[in-house]
Protein backbone atom coordinates (compact mmCIF):
# COMPACT_ATOMS: atom_id res chain seq x y z
CA MET A 1 -85.53 2.35 -7.91
CA ASN A 2 -82.60 0.55 -8.33
CA ARG A 3 -79.62 1.65 -11.44
CA ARG A 4 -76.83 0.08 -12.10
CA PHE A 5 -73.49 1.21 -13.87
CA LEU A 6 -71.10 -1.57 -14.59
CA TYR A 7 -67.53 -1.05 -15.80
CA ALA A 8 -67.23 -5.01 -17.55
CA GLY A 9 -63.65 -6.18 -17.52
CA LEU A 10 -63.58 -8.98 -15.64
CA PRO A 11 -65.37 -12.31 -17.90
CA VAL A 12 -68.78 -12.37 -17.23
CA MET A 13 -68.92 -15.71 -15.29
CA TRP A 14 -65.68 -14.51 -13.14
CA ASP A 15 -66.30 -16.52 -10.18
CA ILE A 16 -70.06 -17.82 -11.04
CA ARG A 17 -70.75 -21.29 -10.18
CA GLU A 18 -71.76 -23.51 -13.01
CA GLU A 19 -75.00 -24.35 -11.45
CA ASP A 20 -75.93 -20.31 -11.03
CA LYS A 21 -74.55 -18.86 -14.39
CA ALA A 22 -77.85 -19.37 -16.21
CA ALA A 23 -79.63 -17.16 -13.61
CA TRP A 24 -76.79 -14.42 -13.04
CA ALA A 25 -76.28 -15.17 -17.59
CA GLU A 26 -80.30 -13.80 -17.07
CA ASP A 27 -79.50 -10.98 -14.57
CA PHE A 28 -76.95 -9.47 -16.50
CA ALA A 29 -78.79 -9.52 -19.96
CA GLY A 30 -81.43 -7.20 -17.33
CA LEU A 31 -78.40 -4.75 -16.48
CA LEU A 32 -77.26 -4.58 -20.50
CA VAL A 33 -80.95 -3.90 -22.43
CA GLY A 34 -82.49 -1.95 -18.77
CA GLN A 35 -83.22 1.57 -19.92
CA ARG A 36 -82.13 2.64 -16.23
CA HIS A 37 -78.48 0.97 -16.22
CA VAL A 38 -75.79 1.67 -18.21
CA VAL A 39 -72.93 -0.91 -19.49
CA ILE A 40 -69.83 -0.04 -20.67
CA ALA A 41 -66.40 -2.47 -21.46
CA GLU A 42 -62.67 -1.52 -20.36
CA SER A 43 -61.93 -3.06 -23.80
CA VAL A 44 -62.79 -3.55 -27.31
CA PHE A 45 -62.33 -7.44 -26.53
CA MET A 46 -64.26 -7.19 -23.55
CA ALA A 47 -67.16 -5.31 -25.86
CA LYS A 48 -66.70 -8.01 -28.64
CA GLU A 49 -67.44 -11.06 -26.12
CA ILE A 50 -70.02 -9.58 -24.50
CA HIS A 51 -71.60 -9.37 -28.17
CA TRP A 52 -70.77 -12.86 -28.49
CA GLN A 53 -72.45 -13.68 -25.07
CA PHE A 54 -74.96 -11.73 -25.26
CA GLY A 55 -76.18 -10.44 -28.55
CA VAL A 56 -75.91 -6.60 -27.26
CA ARG A 57 -73.51 -4.10 -27.88
CA VAL A 58 -71.95 -2.36 -25.63
CA PRO A 59 -69.35 1.15 -25.99
CA ALA A 60 -65.75 0.29 -24.86
CA MET A 61 -63.53 3.23 -22.43
CA ARG A 62 -60.49 1.73 -22.12
CA VAL A 63 -58.85 2.02 -19.31
CA LEU A 64 -56.51 5.03 -19.20
CA GLY A 65 -53.91 4.15 -16.32
CA LEU A 66 -53.45 7.86 -15.25
CA HIS A 67 -53.33 7.26 -11.49
CA ALA A 68 -49.77 6.23 -12.74
CA LYS A 69 -48.55 9.70 -12.57
CA ALA A 70 -45.54 9.09 -14.36
CA THR A 71 -43.43 10.27 -17.71
CA TYR A 72 -41.16 8.45 -19.37
CA ALA A 73 -37.49 9.71 -18.88
CA PRO A 74 -35.11 7.38 -20.02
CA LEU A 75 -32.55 7.87 -17.06
CA ARG A 76 -31.27 4.53 -17.34
CA ASN A 77 -30.58 4.27 -20.86
CA ASP A 78 -28.83 1.61 -20.59
CA SER A 79 -31.89 -0.80 -19.56
CA VAL A 80 -34.89 -2.60 -21.07
CA LEU A 81 -37.58 -3.12 -18.31
CA VAL A 82 -39.61 -6.58 -18.78
CA SER A 83 -43.14 -7.04 -17.68
CA ARG A 84 -44.31 -9.10 -14.37
CA PHE A 85 -43.54 -12.72 -15.34
CA GLY A 86 -46.80 -14.36 -17.31
CA THR A 87 -47.44 -18.24 -18.06
CA SER A 88 -44.49 -19.13 -19.29
CA GLY A 89 -43.35 -19.17 -16.07
CA ALA A 90 -40.66 -16.72 -16.81
CA LEU A 91 -38.71 -18.40 -19.24
CA SER A 92 -39.68 -15.66 -22.31
CA GLU A 93 -39.04 -13.05 -19.77
CA CYS A 94 -35.48 -14.26 -18.59
CA MET A 95 -34.43 -15.54 -21.79
CA PHE A 96 -34.02 -11.82 -22.94
CA GLN A 97 -30.59 -11.50 -20.26
CA GLY A 98 -29.49 -14.81 -21.74
CA TYR A 99 -29.33 -13.37 -25.45
CA ALA A 100 -28.09 -10.17 -24.34
CA ASP A 101 -24.91 -12.34 -22.49
CA ALA A 102 -24.19 -14.34 -25.68
CA ASN A 103 -24.40 -11.06 -27.74
CA SER A 104 -22.10 -8.36 -25.69
CA ALA A 105 -19.99 -7.63 -28.03
CA TRP A 106 -22.35 -5.51 -29.86
CA PHE A 107 -24.99 -5.39 -27.88
CA PRO A 108 -24.62 -2.87 -24.79
CA LEU A 109 -27.98 -2.84 -23.58
CA LYS A 110 -29.45 -5.18 -20.36
CA PHE A 111 -32.79 -6.48 -19.34
CA ILE A 112 -33.97 -5.49 -15.65
CA GLN A 113 -37.33 -7.47 -14.17
CA MET A 114 -39.71 -6.00 -12.94
CA GLU A 115 -39.68 -8.19 -9.93
CA ALA A 116 -36.21 -7.45 -9.54
CA VAL A 117 -37.38 -3.57 -8.84
CA LEU A 118 -40.36 -4.28 -6.88
CA PHE A 119 -37.68 -6.31 -4.69
CA GLU A 120 -35.51 -3.05 -4.33
CA GLU A 121 -38.35 -1.06 -3.70
CA HIS A 122 -39.52 -3.11 -1.26
CA LEU A 123 -36.39 -3.14 1.02
CA ALA A 124 -35.97 0.24 0.70
CA ILE A 125 -39.49 1.31 1.81
CA THR A 126 -39.38 -1.59 4.81
CA LYS A 127 -35.34 -0.67 5.60
CA THR A 128 -35.17 -4.46 5.71
CA GLN A 129 -32.74 -7.01 4.10
CA ALA A 130 -35.33 -9.43 3.16
CA TYR A 131 -38.75 -10.58 1.30
CA GLY A 132 -40.04 -12.78 3.40
CA GLU A 133 -37.28 -15.22 3.76
CA ALA A 134 -36.00 -14.03 0.07
CA LYS A 135 -32.27 -12.15 -0.16
CA GLU A 136 -32.83 -11.70 -3.34
CA TRP A 137 -35.55 -10.92 -5.80
CA ARG A 138 -34.71 -14.47 -7.43
CA GLU A 139 -35.21 -16.95 -4.38
CA HIS A 140 -39.23 -15.44 -4.05
CA VAL A 141 -41.58 -17.32 -6.48
CA GLN A 142 -44.36 -15.18 -6.22
CA GLU A 143 -45.55 -11.99 -7.03
CA ILE A 144 -44.25 -9.37 -5.35
CA LYS A 145 -46.27 -7.11 -4.00
CA VAL A 146 -45.55 -3.15 -2.77
CA PRO A 147 -47.74 -1.04 -0.82
CA ASN A 148 -47.31 1.20 -4.04
CA MET A 149 -46.14 0.92 -7.56
CA PRO A 150 -42.86 2.85 -7.93
CA TYR A 151 -44.31 4.41 -11.90
CA ASN A 152 -41.71 6.98 -11.82
CA LYS A 153 -38.56 4.41 -11.45
CA LEU A 154 -40.53 2.03 -14.27
CA ALA A 155 -40.68 4.81 -16.33
CA ARG A 156 -36.82 5.64 -16.77
CA HIS A 157 -35.50 2.64 -18.18
CA ARG A 158 -35.00 2.85 -21.83
CA ALA A 159 -38.49 0.93 -23.14
CA ALA A 160 -40.41 -2.04 -21.65
CA VAL A 161 -41.21 -5.54 -22.79
CA CYS A 162 -44.03 -6.98 -22.23
CA MET A 163 -45.09 -10.75 -22.71
CA PRO A 164 -49.26 -10.80 -23.32
CA TYR A 165 -50.31 -13.36 -20.75
CA ASP A 166 -53.93 -12.41 -21.03
CA THR A 167 -55.98 -9.34 -23.81
CA THR A 168 -56.36 -6.85 -20.88
CA ILE A 169 -53.22 -6.39 -18.08
CA PHE A 170 -53.72 -2.76 -16.10
CA LEU A 171 -50.05 -2.86 -16.22
CA PHE A 172 -49.89 -2.85 -19.82
CA ASN A 173 -51.88 0.00 -19.66
CA GLU A 174 -50.08 2.01 -17.12
CA ILE A 175 -46.62 1.94 -18.83
CA TYR A 176 -48.51 2.71 -21.78
CA SER A 177 -49.70 5.96 -19.84
CA THR A 178 -46.59 7.18 -19.27
CA ASN A 179 -45.92 7.35 -22.89
CA MET A 180 -42.78 4.29 -22.90
CA PRO A 181 -42.20 3.02 -25.57
CA VAL A 182 -43.13 -0.66 -24.93
CA PHE A 183 -42.63 -3.96 -27.09
CA VAL A 184 -44.75 -6.66 -27.54
CA PRO A 185 -44.20 -9.92 -29.34
CA ARG A 186 -46.34 -9.79 -33.43
CA ASP A 187 -47.23 -13.03 -32.91
CA LEU A 188 -49.91 -11.79 -30.14
CA TRP A 189 -52.06 -14.68 -30.94
CA LYS A 190 -50.07 -17.05 -29.21
CA TRP A 191 -50.12 -15.21 -26.18
CA LEU A 192 -53.51 -14.38 -25.23
CA ILE A 193 -54.11 -17.11 -23.01
CA GLY A 194 -55.84 -15.83 -19.69
CA LEU A 195 -58.81 -15.58 -17.95
CA HIS A 196 -60.88 -13.58 -21.23
CA THR A 197 -59.90 -16.82 -23.54
CA ALA A 198 -60.19 -20.01 -21.00
CA PRO A 199 -62.80 -22.09 -21.36
CA SER A 200 -64.18 -22.35 -17.87
CA MET A 201 -65.25 -18.78 -18.81
CA GLU A 202 -67.40 -19.52 -21.83
CA PHE A 203 -71.74 -19.18 -21.57
CA ARG A 204 -73.13 -18.44 -24.65
CA ARG A 205 -77.00 -17.01 -23.62
CA ASP A 206 -79.72 -17.83 -26.44
CA TRP A 207 -80.59 -14.86 -27.57
CA GLU A 208 -80.91 -15.22 -31.33
CA SER A 209 -84.64 -15.41 -30.83
CA SER A 210 -84.99 -12.22 -28.49
CA ASP A 211 -83.34 -9.67 -31.39
CA PRO A 212 -81.57 -7.75 -28.91
CA SER A 213 -81.32 -4.88 -32.09
CA GLN A 214 -85.05 -4.15 -31.29
CA ILE A 215 -83.58 -2.05 -28.54
CA HIS A 216 -79.95 -1.03 -29.11
CA GLY A 217 -80.45 -0.63 -33.15
CA PRO A 218 -78.78 -3.48 -35.79
CA GLY A 219 -75.45 -1.64 -35.69
CA LEU A 220 -73.12 -1.23 -38.40
CA PRO A 221 -73.10 -3.65 -40.95
CA HIS A 222 -69.28 -4.99 -40.15
CA ASP A 223 -70.17 -5.38 -36.26
CA ALA A 224 -71.61 -8.70 -37.11
CA VAL A 225 -71.46 -11.22 -34.44
CA SER A 226 -67.96 -13.44 -34.75
CA GLN A 227 -69.35 -16.98 -35.50
CA SER A 228 -66.25 -18.51 -33.50
CA SER A 229 -66.09 -18.59 -29.72
CA PRO A 230 -63.56 -16.14 -27.57
CA PHE A 231 -63.38 -18.92 -25.11
CA TYR A 232 -60.34 -20.88 -27.26
CA ALA A 233 -57.42 -21.24 -25.29
CA SER A 234 -57.29 -24.54 -23.49
CA VAL A 235 -54.38 -26.20 -22.60
CA HIS A 236 -55.74 -29.50 -22.80
CA GLN A 237 -56.73 -29.24 -26.40
CA PRO A 238 -54.81 -27.70 -30.01
CA MET A 239 -56.28 -23.97 -30.16
CA GLY A 240 -57.63 -23.26 -33.16
CA VAL A 241 -54.98 -20.86 -35.06
CA GLN A 242 -57.74 -18.64 -36.85
CA GLN A 243 -59.65 -18.41 -33.58
CA ALA A 244 -56.80 -17.16 -32.05
CA VAL A 245 -55.89 -14.89 -34.58
CA ASP A 246 -59.52 -13.29 -35.09
CA TRP A 247 -59.84 -12.37 -31.77
CA ALA A 248 -56.05 -11.45 -30.62
CA ARG A 249 -57.02 -8.38 -33.48
CA TYR A 250 -59.55 -6.53 -30.62
CA SER A 251 -57.15 -7.06 -27.77
CA ASP A 252 -55.28 -3.59 -26.99
CA TRP A 253 -52.36 -5.45 -27.48
CA ALA A 254 -53.25 -4.78 -30.83
CA MET A 255 -55.35 -1.99 -31.31
CA LEU A 256 -53.16 0.41 -29.36
CA PRO A 257 -51.49 2.72 -31.40
CA HIS A 258 -47.02 2.89 -31.14
CA VAL A 259 -47.04 -0.51 -29.72
CA ARG A 260 -43.47 -1.31 -31.14
CA TYR A 261 -43.96 -5.19 -32.16
CA PHE A 262 -40.77 -8.03 -32.76
CA LEU A 263 -40.70 -10.62 -34.54
CA GLY A 264 -37.82 -12.65 -32.25
CA VAL A 265 -34.59 -11.39 -30.60
CA PRO A 266 -32.61 -10.32 -33.24
CA ASP A 267 -35.56 -8.24 -34.34
CA LEU A 268 -36.10 -7.04 -30.73
CA PHE A 269 -32.62 -5.98 -30.09
CA LEU A 270 -31.86 -4.20 -33.47
CA GLN A 271 -34.93 -2.28 -32.79
CA LEU A 272 -33.93 -1.19 -29.22
CA LEU A 273 -30.86 0.29 -30.05
CA ASP A 274 -32.54 2.97 -32.28
CA ALA A 275 -32.54 5.53 -30.04
CA GLU A 276 -33.99 8.22 -32.53
CA ALA A 277 -36.86 5.76 -33.34
CA LEU A 278 -37.91 4.76 -29.60
CA HIS A 279 -37.83 9.12 -28.56
CA GLU A 280 -40.28 9.10 -32.18
CA THR A 281 -42.35 6.08 -30.57
CA SER A 282 -42.99 8.10 -27.18
CA ALA A 283 -43.35 11.38 -28.84
CA LYS A 284 -46.07 10.15 -30.77
CA MET A 285 -47.31 8.05 -27.67
CA ARG A 286 -47.67 11.42 -25.97
CA VAL A 287 -50.00 13.11 -28.91
CA PHE A 288 -52.40 10.19 -28.66
CA ASN A 289 -52.71 10.01 -24.81
CA ASP A 290 -53.55 13.43 -24.84
CA GLU A 291 -56.09 13.20 -27.34
CA GLU A 292 -57.34 10.64 -25.88
CA LEU A 293 -57.66 11.71 -22.41
CA THR A 294 -59.61 14.76 -23.93
CA THR A 295 -62.01 12.29 -25.62
CA ALA A 296 -62.26 9.80 -22.38
CA LEU A 297 -63.37 13.12 -20.22
CA GLU A 298 -65.90 13.91 -22.57
CA ASN A 299 -67.03 10.56 -22.90
CA TRP A 300 -67.63 10.01 -18.91
CA ARG A 301 -69.52 13.41 -18.86
CA ASN A 302 -71.78 11.92 -21.04
CA VAL A 303 -72.14 8.87 -18.85
CA ALA A 304 -72.73 10.97 -15.81
CA HIS A 305 -75.24 12.98 -17.59
CA ARG A 306 -77.25 9.75 -18.32
CA LEU A 307 -76.83 8.59 -15.31
CA LEU A 308 -78.26 11.70 -13.92
CA HIS A 309 -81.07 12.11 -16.16
CA ALA A 310 -81.83 8.71 -15.44
CA ALA A 311 -82.46 9.28 -11.64
CA ARG A 312 -84.24 12.79 -12.56
CA SER A 313 -86.83 11.34 -14.92
CA GLY A 314 -87.73 8.41 -12.82
CA VAL A 315 -86.93 5.97 -15.86
């Protein structure tokens, strides 16, 4: 008897043809309620999205990013790492250095683009003078890829600034796992425009009549299914602000503790200058990450026991 374990990260309808969505939805619903299968979401947002689409609650166990194997050590204390370019086409990411140059009389820090770090890493590994035809990172307009991400070099910066372009970005979890202070915009709802919120991913199974709670229990009173769709972010129509705000709160960007939020560039600059506060934030992140690891090990152990029990009992 086939048994399945699914760690759900991408939208359920990712890469599914329109004519196949209904059939795939029935198959996926079978995985959700089948006693032989285990489905876990990689984030609370993903769990809530599945709940909205299929009426079934699944547990969420977030990505820890332990494979980074790096620890925050701000040897480059005068530079701030800026994460990968997102939906703004690098405009938002590159503007920080422009503000820094205009305020160099009182702001001594500089902003380093991750693409610049990866470009130099590529040259060092390959012992070449260019990446393709690009001799400088600015000349390469697509994503720069290296065999191994230099997480140790990334974690040497004073802090990291991330401009979210989806509800889940693995790089954010990887940086967070190093205990490196991470800054993100306070108005998250304006930024979470990606696969998980794209209307093209929208599909809602007609599950109300089937009442999945008969299998999974009614849940807590506050665990009601949202009345608004999580697939709200279309570039072809105005965004529902309240809808975006309601769903943004379920993202890791909002739920993880000790993330530093900024209201604008002046606020960001002032926070970055407070070295004592950054060290305190890193210490709190370390405590949380250690506790989270202990909890995750126990949870994954329970998942393994559940699968073994199903295999041995022939369920």
